[in-house]
């Protein structure tokens, strides 16, 4: 009986840990996409500035 109860507790803890890890990876993924978008816009504006400077 004690072993079964311990096993159930371990399963519940494992499930909770898996949920937390999924949430962390989702937030990291969102942060990564935000950084990529920001850098893309920055380099696009940077290239437009270089083109205008060279053409002037």
Protein backbone atom coordinates (compact mmCIF):
# COMPACT_ATOMS: atom_id res chain seq x y z
CA UNK A 1 0.00 0.00 0.00
CA UNK A 2 2.81 2.42 0.91
CA UNK A 3 4.68 1.61 -2.29
CA UNK A 4 1.61 2.32 -4.41
CA UNK A 5 1.05 5.63 -2.66
CA UNK A 6 4.70 6.62 -3.18
CA UNK A 7 4.45 5.65 -6.83
CA UNK A 8 1.37 7.84 -7.29
CA UNK A 9 3.13 10.79 -5.64
CA UNK A 10 6.13 10.36 -7.93
CA UNK A 11 3.85 10.26 -10.98
CA UNK A 12 2.10 13.45 -9.88
CA UNK A 13 5.42 15.22 -9.31
CA UNK A 14 6.69 14.11 -12.70
CA UNK A 15 3.55 15.43 -14.37
CA UNK A 16 3.95 18.79 -12.61
CA UNK A 17 7.60 19.04 -13.65
CA UNK A 18 6.75 18.23 -17.27
CA UNK A 19 4.10 20.99 -17.29
CA UNK A 20 6.60 23.51 -15.90
CA UNK A 21 9.20 22.55 -18.50
CA UNK A 22 6.70 22.97 -21.33
CA UNK A 23 5.80 26.44 -20.07
CA UNK A 24 9.46 27.47 -19.87
CA UNK A 25 10.21 26.23 -23.38
CA UNK A 26 7.18 28.10 -24.74
CA UNK A 27 8.31 31.36 -23.17
CA UNK A 28 11.84 30.85 -24.48
CA UNK A 29 10.44 30.22 -27.95
CA UNK A 30 8.42 33.45 -27.85
CA UNK A 31 11.44 35.42 -26.63
CA UNK A 32 13.57 33.95 -29.41
CA UNK A 33 11.04 34.97 -32.09
CA UNK A 34 10.79 38.48 -30.64
CA UNK A 35 14.58 38.90 -30.79
CA UNK A 36 14.68 37.59 -34.37
CA UNK A 37 11.95 40.02 -35.46
CA UNK A 38 13.66 42.96 -33.72
CA UNK A 39 17.04 42.17 -35.32
CA UNK A 40 15.44 41.69 -38.73
CA UNK A 41 13.77 45.11 -38.58
CA UNK A 42 17.00 46.70 -37.33
CA UNK A 43 19.09 45.26 -40.18
CA UNK A 44 16.44 46.16 -42.74
CA UNK A 45 16.48 49.79 -41.59
CA UNK A 46 20.28 49.69 -41.45
CA UNK A 47 20.46 48.50 -45.07
CA UNK A 48 17.99 51.18 -46.17
CA UNK A 49 20.20 53.79 -44.49
CA UNK A 50 23.31 52.48 -46.25
CA UNK A 51 21.54 52.50 -49.62
CA UNK A 52 20.40 56.10 -49.11
CA UNK A 53 23.90 57.15 -48.04
CA UNK A 54 25.55 55.54 -51.04
CA UNK A 55 23.00 56.92 -53.53
CA UNK A 56 23.32 60.50 -52.21
